Amino acid sequence: MSDLGRKPVTDQLSDKVTPESQKPTTQKMGDSVSGVYDRAAGAVQPDSQKSATQQATDTMRSGADNASNQSKGVAQSVTDTVHSATQGVKDTIGSATGNK
């Protein structure tokens, strides 16, 4: 069950379990747009006005979004560290060989 104007939970689950490679471009775009809309609707609608199912779905999505953002942050941190270390090695070699 979903709240008025929200994408049904069953449709959201179906979108997630269907591999992207099996979706036409129009469906991928539609999933993206509806996902953005549903996140926005979930953010502005008070929990007290949501069904229990919709509230649980929004909570799970929020947790998944936070985990995704944190993993992106960790990946960026690793990338920055590797870049910094690589630059340090290049600078050291450049100094040793007289090349900059």
PDB file of N, CA and C in Angstrom:
ATOM      1  N   MET A   1       0.846  -1.182   0.000  1.00  0.00           N
ATOM      2  CA  MET A   1       0.000   0.000   0.000  1.00  0.00           C
ATOM      3  C   MET A   1       0.887   1.240   0.000  1.00  0.00           C
ATOM      4  N   SER A   2       0.449   2.258  -0.714  1.00  0.00           N
ATOM      5  CA  SER A   2       1.195   3.508  -0.718  1.00  0.00           C
ATOM      6  C   SER A   2       0.236   4.638  -0.397  1.00  0.00           C
ATOM      7  N   ASP A   3       0.810   5.734   0.002  1.00  0.00           N
ATOM      8  CA  ASP A   3       0.011   6.909   0.291  1.00  0.00           C
ATOM      9  C   ASP A   3      -0.318   7.628  -1.004  1.00  0.00           C
ATOM     10  N   LEU A   4      -1.334   8.463  -0.968  1.00  0.00           N
ATOM     11  CA  LEU A   4      -1.799   9.181  -2.149  1.00  0.00           C
ATOM     12  C   LEU A   4      -0.647   9.934  -2.815  1.00  0.00           C
ATOM     13  N   GLY A   5      -0.493   9.708  -4.117  1.00  0.00           N
ATOM     14  CA  GLY A   5       0.542  10.395  -4.872  1.00  0.00           C
ATOM     15  C   GLY A   5       1.905   9.747  -4.803  1.00  0.00           C
ATOM     16  N   ARG A   6       2.046   8.721  -3.994  1.00  0.00           N
ATOM     17  CA  ARG A   6       3.345   8.047  -3.837  1.00  0.00           C
ATOM     18  C   ARG A   6       3.371   6.777  -4.669  1.00  0.00           C
ATOM     19  N   LYS A   7       4.540   6.383  -5.094  1.00  0.00           N
ATOM     20  CA  LYS A   7       4.699   5.163  -5.877  1.00  0.00           C
ATOM     21  C   LYS A   7       4.461   3.956  -4.957  1.00  0.00           C
ATOM     22  N   PRO A   8       3.649   3.005  -5.387  1.00  0.00           N
ATOM     23  CA  PRO A   8       3.394   1.832  -4.540  1.00  0.00           C
ATOM     24  C   PRO A   8       4.684   1.092  -4.177  1.00  0.00           C
ATOM     25  N   VAL A   9       4.739   0.596  -2.966  1.00  0.00           N
ATOM     26  CA  VAL A   9       5.915  -0.099  -2.467  1.00  0.00           C
ATOM     27  C   VAL A   9       6.250  -1.294  -3.359  1.00  0.00           C
ATOM     28  N   THR A  10       5.234  -2.011  -3.817  1.00  0.00           N
ATOM     29  CA  THR A  10       5.482  -3.169  -4.687  1.00  0.00           C
ATOM     30  C   THR A  10       6.159  -2.752  -5.988  1.00  0.00           C
ATOM     31  N   ASP A  11       5.776  -1.594  -6.528  1.00  0.00           N
ATOM     32  CA  ASP A  11       6.428  -1.085  -7.743  1.00  0.00           C
ATOM     33  C   ASP A  11       7.877  -0.694  -7.457  1.00  0.00           C
ATOM     34  N   GLN A  12       8.114  -0.106  -6.300  1.00  0.00           N
ATOM     35  CA  GLN A  12       9.476   0.277  -5.929  1.00  0.00           C
ATOM     36  C   GLN A  12      10.359  -0.967  -5.819  1.00  0.00           C
ATOM     37  N   LEU A  13       9.835  -2.011  -5.201  1.00  0.00           N
ATOM     38  CA  LEU A  13      10.607  -3.252  -5.062  1.00  0.00           C
ATOM     39  C   LEU A  13      10.878  -3.872  -6.426  1.00  0.00           C
ATOM     40  N   SER A  14       9.880  -3.877  -7.282  1.00  0.00           N
ATOM     41  CA  SER A  14      10.042  -4.424  -8.622  1.00  0.00           C
ATOM     42  C   SER A  14      11.118  -3.666  -9.394  1.00  0.00           C
ATOM     43  N   ASP A  15      11.131  -2.346  -9.253  1.00  0.00           N
ATOM     44  CA  ASP A  15      12.153  -1.524  -9.915  1.00  0.00           C
ATOM     45  C   ASP A  15      13.550  -1.921  -9.456  1.00  0.00           C
ATOM     46  N   LYS A  16      13.675  -2.218  -8.168  1.00  0.00           N
ATOM     47  CA  LYS A  16      14.991  -2.546  -7.605  1.00  0.00           C
ATOM     48  C   LYS A  16      15.475  -3.927  -8.009  1.00  0.00           C
ATOM     49  N   VAL A  17      14.579  -4.901  -8.131  1.00  0.00           N
ATOM     50  CA  VAL A  17      15.013  -6.263  -8.416  1.00  0.00           C
ATOM     51  C   VAL A  17      15.187  -6.544  -9.900  1.00  0.00           C
ATOM     52  N   THR A  18      14.632  -5.700 -10.750  1.00  0.00           N
ATOM     53  CA  THR A  18      14.803  -5.875 -12.188  1.00  0.00           C
ATOM     54  C   THR A  18      16.161  -5.304 -12.594  1.00  0.00           C
ATOM     55  N   PRO A  19      17.033  -6.140 -13.176  1.00  0.00           N
ATOM     56  CA  PRO A  19      18.360  -5.642 -13.571  1.00  0.00           C
ATOM     57  C   PRO A  19      18.257  -4.474 -14.549  1.00  0.00           C
ATOM     58  N   GLU A  20      19.118  -3.501 -14.381  1.00  0.00           N
ATOM     59  CA  GLU A  20      19.130  -2.328 -15.263  1.00  0.00           C
ATOM     60  C   GLU A  20      19.300  -2.737 -16.725  1.00  0.00           C
ATOM     61  N   SER A  21      20.052  -3.808 -16.958  1.00  0.00           N
ATOM     62  CA  SER A  21      20.302  -4.253 -18.334  1.00  0.00           C
ATOM     63  C   SER A  21      19.035  -4.762 -19.018  1.00  0.00           C
ATOM     64  N   GLN A  22      18.013  -5.086 -18.237  1.00  0.00           N
ATOM     65  CA  GLN A  22      16.767  -5.593 -18.806  1.00  0.00           C
ATOM     66  C   GLN A  22      15.705  -4.505 -18.949  1.00  0.00           C
ATOM     67  N   LYS A  23      16.040  -3.281 -18.585  1.00  0.00           N
ATOM     68  CA  LYS A  23      15.081  -2.185 -18.666  1.00  0.00           C
ATOM     69  C   LYS A  23      15.367  -1.327 -19.891  1.00  0.00           C
ATOM     70  N   PRO A  24      14.307  -0.933 -20.605  1.00  0.00           N
ATOM     71  CA  PRO A  24      14.524   0.022 -21.698  1.00  0.00           C
ATOM     72  C   PRO A  24      14.903   1.393 -21.116  1.00  0.00           C
ATOM     73  N   THR A  25      15.513   2.216 -21.912  1.00  0.00           N
ATOM     74  CA  THR A  25      15.955   3.540 -21.466  1.00  0.00           C
ATOM     75  C   THR A  25      14.809   4.353 -20.882  1.00  0.00           C
ATOM     76  N   THR A  26      13.642   4.267 -21.497  1.00  0.00           N
ATOM     77  CA  THR A  26      12.500   5.037 -20.989  1.00  0.00           C
ATOM     78  C   THR A  26      12.118   4.604 -19.579  1.00  0.00           C
ATOM     79  N   GLN A  27      12.218   3.303 -19.297  1.00  0.00           N
ATOM     80  CA  GLN A  27      11.893   2.832 -17.947  1.00  0.00           C
ATOM     81  C   GLN A  27      12.948   3.297 -16.948  1.00  0.00           C
ATOM     82  N   LYS A  28      14.219   3.262 -17.340  1.00  0.00           N
ATOM     83  CA  LYS A  28      15.289   3.732 -16.452  1.00  0.00           C
ATOM     84  C   LYS A  28      15.064   5.197 -16.094  1.00  0.00           C
ATOM     85  N   MET A  29      14.715   6.001 -17.114  1.00  0.00           N
ATOM     86  CA  MET A  29      14.470   7.425 -16.870  1.00  0.00           C
ATOM     87  C   MET A  29      13.244   7.597 -15.970  1.00  0.00           C
ATOM     88  N   GLY A  30      12.192   6.827 -16.236  1.00  0.00           N
ATOM     89  CA  GLY A  30      10.985   6.906 -15.420  1.00  0.00           C
ATOM     90  C   GLY A  30      11.252   6.515 -13.984  1.00  0.00           C
ATOM     91  N   ASP A  31      12.056   5.468 -13.783  1.00  0.00           N
ATOM     92  CA  ASP A  31      12.414   5.041 -12.428  1.00  0.00           C
ATOM     93  C   ASP A  31      13.167   6.150 -11.695  1.00  0.00           C
ATOM     94  N   SER A  32      14.060   6.790 -12.421  1.00  0.00           N
ATOM     95  CA  SER A  32      14.855   7.856 -11.823  1.00  0.00           C
ATOM     96  C   SER A  32      13.980   9.033 -11.410  1.00  0.00           C
ATOM     97  N   VAL A  33      13.109   9.454 -12.305  1.00  0.00           N
ATOM     98  CA  VAL A  33      12.225  10.588 -12.026  1.00  0.00           C
ATOM     99  C   VAL A  33      11.275  10.261 -10.880  1.00  0.00           C
ATOM    100  N   SER A  34      10.666   9.086 -10.935  1.00  0.00           N
ATOM    101  CA  SER A  34       9.713   8.733  -9.880  1.00  0.00           C
ATOM    102  C   SER A  34      10.424   8.556  -8.546  1.00  0.00           C
ATOM    103  N   GLY A  35      11.671   8.087  -8.579  1.00  0.00           N
ATOM    104  CA  GLY A  35      12.436   7.943  -7.342  1.00  0.00           C
ATOM    105  C   GLY A  35      12.730   9.288  -6.693  1.00  0.00           C
ATOM    106  N   VAL A  36      13.099  10.265  -7.520  1.00  0.00           N
ATOM    107  CA  VAL A  36      13.360  11.612  -7.011  1.00  0.00           C
ATOM    108  C   VAL A  36      12.083  12.214  -6.435  1.00  0.00           C
ATOM    109  N   TYR A  37      10.985  12.069  -7.186  1.00  0.00           N
ATOM    110  CA  TYR A  37       9.707  12.598  -6.708  1.00  0.00           C
ATOM    111  C   TYR A  37       9.304  11.938  -5.395  1.00  0.00           C
ATOM    112  N   ASP A  38       9.442  10.612  -5.326  1.00  0.00           N
ATOM    113  CA  ASP A  38       9.006   9.895  -4.128  1.00  0.00           C
ATOM    114  C   ASP A  38       9.868  10.269  -2.920  1.00  0.00           C
ATOM    115  N   ARG A  39      11.166  10.456  -3.133  1.00  0.00           N
ATOM    116  CA  ARG A  39      12.039  10.881  -2.025  1.00  0.00           C
ATOM    117  C   ARG A  39      11.607  12.261  -1.520  1.00  0.00           C
ATOM    118  N   ALA A  40      11.327  13.166  -2.447  1.00  0.00           N
ATOM    119  CA  ALA A  40      10.910  14.515  -2.064  1.00  0.00           C
ATOM    120  C   ALA A  40       9.572  14.463  -1.328  1.00  0.00           C
ATOM    121  N   ALA A  41       8.629  13.696  -1.859  1.00  0.00           N
ATOM    122  CA  ALA A  41       7.321  13.580  -1.211  1.00  0.00           C
ATOM    123  C   ALA A  41       7.459  12.982   0.185  1.00  0.00           C
ATOM    124  N   GLY A  42       8.316  11.997   0.319  1.00  0.00           N
ATOM    125  CA  GLY A  42       8.530  11.373   1.625  1.00  0.00           C
ATOM    126  C   GLY A  42       9.188  12.312   2.620  1.00  0.00           C
ATOM    127  N   ALA A  43      10.031  13.209   2.113  1.00  0.00           N
ATOM    128  CA  ALA A  43      10.730  14.145   2.995  1.00  0.00           C
ATOM    129  C   ALA A  43       9.811  15.231   3.533  1.00  0.00           C
ATOM    130  N   VAL A  44       8.842  15.661   2.728  1.00  0.00           N
ATOM    131  CA  VAL A  44       7.983  16.766   3.163  1.00  0.00           C
ATOM    132  C   VAL A  44       6.720  16.294   3.883  1.00  0.00           C
ATOM    133  N   GLN A  45       6.343  15.050   3.685  1.00  0.00           N
ATOM    134  CA  GLN A  45       5.141  14.537   4.350  1.00  0.00           C
ATOM    135  C   GLN A  45       5.490  14.108   5.771  1.00  0.00           C
ATOM    136  N   PRO A  46       4.810  14.653   6.773  1.00  0.00           N
ATOM    137  CA  PRO A  46       5.098  14.260   8.162  1.00  0.00           C
ATOM    138  C   PRO A  46       4.831  12.770   8.380  1.00  0.00           C
ATOM    139  N   ASP A  47       5.668  12.130   9.191  1.00  0.00           N
ATOM    140  CA  ASP A  47       5.496  10.708   9.488  1.00  0.00           C
ATOM    141  C   ASP A  47       4.106  10.414  10.030  1.00  0.00           C
ATOM    142  N   SER A  48       3.539  11.357  10.774  1.00  0.00           N
ATOM    143  CA  SER A  48       2.218  11.137  11.369  1.00  0.00           C
ATOM    144  C   SER A  48       1.121  11.004  10.314  1.00  0.00           C
ATOM    145  N   GLN A  49       1.402  11.447   9.091  1.00  0.00           N
ATOM    146  CA  GLN A  49       0.413  11.362   8.015  1.00  0.00           C
ATOM    147  C   GLN A  49       0.688  10.212   7.044  1.00  0.00           C
ATOM    148  N   LYS A  50       1.706   9.409   7.322  1.00  0.00           N
ATOM    149  CA  LYS A  50       2.066   8.299   6.448  1.00  0.00           C
ATOM    150  C   LYS A  50       1.469   6.998   6.978  1.00  0.00           C
ATOM    151  N   SER A  51       1.166   6.097   6.055  1.00  0.00           N
ATOM    152  CA  SER A  51       0.772   4.758   6.480  1.00  0.00           C
ATOM    153  C   SER A  51       2.003   4.083   7.087  1.00  0.00           C
ATOM    154  N   ALA A  52       1.781   3.041   7.850  1.00  0.00           N
ATOM    155  CA  ALA A  52       2.899   2.324   8.472  1.00  0.00           C
ATOM    156  C   ALA A  52       3.838   1.764   7.406  1.00  0.00           C
ATOM    157  N   THR A  53       3.266   1.257   6.320  1.00  0.00           N
ATOM    158  CA  THR A  53       4.079   0.703   5.230  1.00  0.00           C
ATOM    159  C   THR A  53       4.931   1.784   4.582  1.00  0.00           C
ATOM    160  N   GLN A  54       4.321   2.932   4.310  1.00  0.00           N
ATOM    161  CA  GLN A  54       5.057   4.023   3.662  1.00  0.00           C
ATOM    162  C   GLN A  54       6.139   4.567   4.594  1.00  0.00           C
ATOM    163  N   GLN A  55       5.842   4.662   5.866  1.00  0.00           N
ATOM    164  CA  GLN A  55       6.824   5.149   6.829  1.00  0.00           C
ATOM    165  C   GLN A  55       8.019   4.191   6.895  1.00  0.00           C
ATOM    166  N   ALA A  56       7.741   2.886   6.920  1.00  0.00           N
ATOM    167  CA  ALA A  56       8.827   1.900   6.955  1.00  0.00           C
ATOM    168  C   ALA A  56       9.659   1.963   5.674  1.00  0.00           C
ATOM    169  N   THR A  57       8.992   2.109   4.541  1.00  0.00           N
ATOM    170  CA  THR A  57       9.698   2.200   3.259  1.00  0.00           C
ATOM    171  C   THR A  57      10.589   3.436   3.214  1.00  0.00           C
ATOM    172  N   ASP A  58      10.068   4.575   3.660  1.00  0.00           N
ATOM    173  CA  ASP A  58      10.860   5.807   3.675  1.00  0.00           C
ATOM    174  C   ASP A  58      12.060   5.677   4.607  1.00  0.00           C
ATOM    175  N   THR A  59      11.867   5.029   5.746  1.00  0.00           N
ATOM    176  CA  THR A  59      12.963   4.841   6.703  1.00  0.00           C
ATOM    177  C   THR A  59      14.057   3.963   6.104  1.00  0.00           C
ATOM    178  N   MET A  60      13.635   2.869   5.447  1.00  0.00           N
ATOM    179  CA  MET A  60      14.625   1.985   4.818  1.00  0.00           C
ATOM    180  C   MET A  60      15.367   2.708   3.691  1.00  0.00           C
ATOM    181  N   ARG A  61      14.635   3.470   2.879  1.00  0.00           N
ATOM    182  CA  ARG A  61      15.265   4.195   1.780  1.00  0.00           C
ATOM    183  C   ARG A  61      16.260   5.218   2.322  1.00  0.00           C
ATOM    184  N   SER A  62      15.883   5.899   3.378  1.00  0.00           N
ATOM    185  CA  SER A  62      16.770   6.898   3.974  1.00  0.00           C
ATOM    186  C   SER A  62      18.054   6.238   4.463  1.00  0.00           C
ATOM    187  N   GLY A  63      17.918   5.083   5.100  1.00  0.00           N
ATOM    188  CA  GLY A  63      19.104   4.351   5.563  1.00  0.00           C
ATOM    189  C   GLY A  63      19.976   3.909   4.413  1.00  0.00           C
ATOM    190  N   ALA A  64      19.352   3.436   3.341  1.00  0.00           N
ATOM    191  CA  ALA A  64      20.113   3.009   2.159  1.00  0.00           C
ATOM    192  C   ALA A  64      20.801   4.200   1.502  1.00  0.00           C
ATOM    193  N   ASP A  65      20.107   5.333   1.418  1.00  0.00           N
ATOM    194  CA  ASP A  65      20.703   6.540   0.841  1.00  0.00           C
ATOM    195  C   ASP A  65      21.898   7.000   1.669  1.00  0.00           C
ATOM    196  N   ASN A  66      21.757   6.967   2.992  1.00  0.00           N
ATOM    197  CA  ASN A  66      22.859   7.377   3.866  1.00  0.00           C
ATOM    198  C   ASN A  66      24.053   6.451   3.696  1.00  0.00           C
ATOM    199  N   ALA A  67      23.804   5.140   3.628  1.00  0.00           N
ATOM    200  CA  ALA A  67      24.893   4.185   3.440  1.00  0.00           C
ATOM    201  C   ALA A  67      25.584   4.408   2.100  1.00  0.00           C
ATOM    202  N   SER A  68      24.789   4.678   1.068  1.00  0.00           N
ATOM    203  CA  SER A  68      25.350   4.932  -0.254  1.00  0.00           C
ATOM    204  C   SER A  68      26.223   6.185  -0.237  1.00  0.00           C
ATOM    205  N   ASN A  69      25.726   7.240   0.395  1.00  0.00           N
ATOM    206  CA  ASN A  69      26.501   8.484   0.472  1.00  0.00           C
ATOM    207  C   ASN A  69      27.776   8.295   1.276  1.00  0.00           C
ATOM    208  N   GLN A  70      27.701   7.515   2.355  1.00  0.00           N
ATOM    209  CA  GLN A  70      28.901   7.268   3.153  1.00  0.00           C
ATOM    210  C   GLN A  70      29.919   6.464   2.359  1.00  0.00           C
ATOM    211  N   SER A  71      29.448   5.461   1.601  1.00  0.00           N
ATOM    212  CA  SER A  71      30.395   4.664   0.818  1.00  0.00           C
ATOM    213  C   SER A  71      31.032   5.506  -0.271  1.00  0.00           C
ATOM    214  N   LYS A  72      30.278   6.440  -0.849  1.00  0.00           N
ATOM    215  CA  LYS A  72      30.860   7.348  -1.836  1.00  0.00           C
ATOM    216  C   LYS A  72      31.913   8.224  -1.175  1.00  0.00           C
ATOM    217  N   GLY A  73      31.646   8.643   0.053  1.00  0.00           N
ATOM    218  CA  GLY A  73      32.615   9.456   0.788  1.00  0.00           C
ATOM    219  C   GLY A  73      33.887   8.683   1.069  1.00  0.00           C
ATOM    220  N   VAL A  74      33.744   7.414   1.447  1.00  0.00           N
ATOM    221  CA  VAL A  74      34.911   6.566   1.707  1.00  0.00           C
ATOM    222  C   VAL A  74      35.682   6.344   0.412  1.00  0.00           C
ATOM    223  N   ALA A  75      34.966   6.065  -0.676  1.00  0.00           N
ATOM    224  CA  ALA A  75      35.633   5.850  -1.961  1.00  0.00           C
ATOM    225  C   ALA A  75      36.395   7.098  -2.395  1.00  0.00           C
ATOM    226  N   GLN A  76      35.800   8.264  -2.197  1.00  0.00           N
ATOM    227  CA  GLN A  76      36.474   9.514  -2.563  1.00  0.00           C
ATOM    228  C   GLN A  76      37.704   9.728  -1.691  1.00  0.00           C
ATOM    229  N   SER A  77      37.601   9.384  -0.411  1.00  0.00           N
ATOM    230  CA  SER A  77      38.737   9.521   0.496  1.00  0.00           C
ATOM    231  C   SER A  77      39.894   8.619   0.058  1.00  0.00           C
ATOM    232  N   VAL A  78      39.567   7.390  -0.328  1.00  0.00           N
ATOM    233  CA  VAL A  78      40.599   6.467  -0.813  1.00  0.00           C
ATOM    234  C   VAL A  78      41.227   7.013  -2.090  1.00  0.00           C
ATOM    235  N   THR A  79      40.403   7.509  -3.000  1.00  0.00           N
ATOM    236  CA  THR A  79      40.904   8.080  -4.251  1.00  0.00           C
ATOM    237  C   THR A  79      41.832   9.255  -3.969  1.00  0.00           C
ATOM    238  N   ASP A  80      41.430  10.126  -3.050  1.00  0.00           N
ATOM    239  CA  ASP A  80      42.263  11.277  -2.703  1.00  0.00           C
ATOM    240  C   ASP A  80      43.592  10.833  -2.100  1.00  0.00           C
ATOM    241  N   THR A  81      43.553   9.817  -1.246  1.00  0.00           N
ATOM    242  CA  THR A  81      44.774   9.315  -0.604  1.00  0.00           C
ATOM    243  C   THR A  81      45.721   8.723  -1.640  1.00  0.00           C
ATOM    244  N   VAL A  82      45.174   7.914  -2.552  1.00  0.00           N
ATOM    245  CA  VAL A  82      46.000   7.312  -3.600  1.00  0.00           C
ATOM    246  C   VAL A  82      46.594   8.409  -4.490  1.00  0.00           C
ATOM    247  N   HIS A  83      45.768   9.405  -4.851  1.00  0.00           N
ATOM    248  CA  HIS A  83      46.260  10.502  -5.687  1.00  0.00           C
ATOM    249  C   HIS A  83      47.388  11.250  -4.976  1.00  0.00           C
ATOM    250  N   SER A  84      47.203  11.519  -3.704  1.00  0.00           N
ATOM    251  CA  SER A  84      48.212  12.238  -2.936  1.00  0.00           C
ATOM    252  C   SER A  84      49.510  11.429  -2.843  1.00  0.00           C
ATOM    253  N   ALA A  85      49.375  10.133  -2.589  1.00  0.00           N
ATOM    254  CA  ALA A  85      50.562   9.280  -2.503  1.00  0.00           C
ATOM    255  C   ALA A  85      51.274   9.209  -3.850  1.00  0.00           C
ATOM    256  N   THR A  86      50.523   9.085  -4.922  1.00  0.00           N
ATOM    257  CA  THR A  86      51.099   9.031  -6.265  1.00  0.00           C
ATOM    258  C   THR A  86      51.840  10.328  -6.576  1.00  0.00           C
ATOM    259  N   GLN A  87      51.226  11.449  -6.232  1.00  0.00           N
ATOM    260  CA  GLN A  87      51.872  12.742  -6.462  1.00  0.00           C
ATOM    261  C   GLN A  87      53.153  12.852  -5.646  1.00  0.00           C
ATOM    262  N   GLY A  88      53.120  12.343  -4.416  1.00  0.00           N
ATOM    263  CA  GLY A  88      54.317  12.367  -3.577  1.00  0.00           C
ATOM    264  C   GLY A  88      55.449  11.557  -4.187  1.00  0.00           C
ATOM    265  N   VAL A  89      55.138  10.388  -4.728  1.00  0.00           N
ATOM    266  CA  VAL A  89      56.154   9.553  -5.380  1.00  0.00           C
ATOM    267  C   VAL A  89      56.702  10.261  -6.612  1.00  0.00           C
ATOM    268  N   LYS A  90      55.820  10.856  -7.406  1.00  0.00           N
ATOM    269  CA  LYS A  90      56.271  11.587  -8.612  1.00  0.00           C
ATOM    270  C   LYS A  90      57.195  12.737  -8.211  1.00  0.00           C
ATOM    271  N   ASP A  91      56.829  13.470  -7.165  1.00  0.00           N
ATOM    272  CA  ASP A  91      57.671  14.586  -6.720  1.00  0.00           C
ATOM    273  C   ASP A  91      59.020  14.096  -6.238  1.00  0.00           C
ATOM    274  N   THR A  92      59.038  12.990  -5.511  1.00  0.00           N
ATOM    275  CA  THR A  92      60.294  12.434  -4.988  1.00  0.00           C
ATOM    276  C   THR A  92      61.188  11.975  -6.144  1.00  0.00           C
ATOM    277  N   ILE A  93      60.618  11.280  -7.106  1.00  0.00           N
ATOM    278  CA  ILE A  93      61.389  10.820  -8.256  1.00  0.00           C
ATOM    279  C   ILE A  93      61.882  12.016  -9.061  1.00  0.00           C
ATOM    280  N   GLY A  94      61.003  13.016  -9.228  1.00  0.00           N
ATOM    281  CA  GLY A  94      61.399  14.212  -9.964  1.00  0.00           C
ATOM    282  C   GLY A  94      62.568  14.930  -9.284  1.00  0.00           C
ATOM    283  N   SER A  95      62.527  15.002  -7.965  1.00  0.00           N
ATOM    284  CA  SER A  95      63.620  15.651  -7.233  1.00  0.00           C
ATOM    285  C   SER A  95      64.916  14.855  -7.342  1.00  0.00           C
ATOM    286  N   ALA A  96      64.801  13.543  -7.293  1.00  0.00           N
ATOM    287  CA  ALA A  96      65.994  12.694  -7.368  1.00  0.00           C
ATOM    288  C   ALA A  96      66.640  12.716  -8.751  1.00  0.00           C
ATOM    289  N   THR A  97      65.816  12.871  -9.781  1.00  0.00           N
ATOM    290  CA  THR A  97      66.356  12.842 -11.151  1.00  0.00           C
ATOM    291  C   THR A  97      66.571  14.247 -11.711  1.00  0.00           C
ATOM    292  N   GLY A  98      66.139  15.250 -10.975  1.00  0.00           N
ATOM    293  CA  GLY A  98      66.284  16.612 -11.456  1.00  0.00           C
ATOM    294  C   GLY A  98      65.151  17.043 -12.377  1.00  0.00           C
ATOM    295  N   ASN A  99      64.168  16.190 -12.568  1.00  0.00           N
ATOM    296  CA  ASN A  99      62.991  16.533 -13.400  1.00  0.00           C
ATOM    297  C   ASN A  99      61.850  16.993 -12.505  1.00  0.00           C
ATOM    298  N   LYS A 100      61.108  17.932 -12.982  1.00  0.00           N
ATOM    299  CA  LYS A 100      59.977  18.394 -12.168  1.00  0.00           C
ATOM    300  C   LYS A 100      58.699  18.210 -12.874  1.00  0.00           C
TER     301      LYS A 100
END
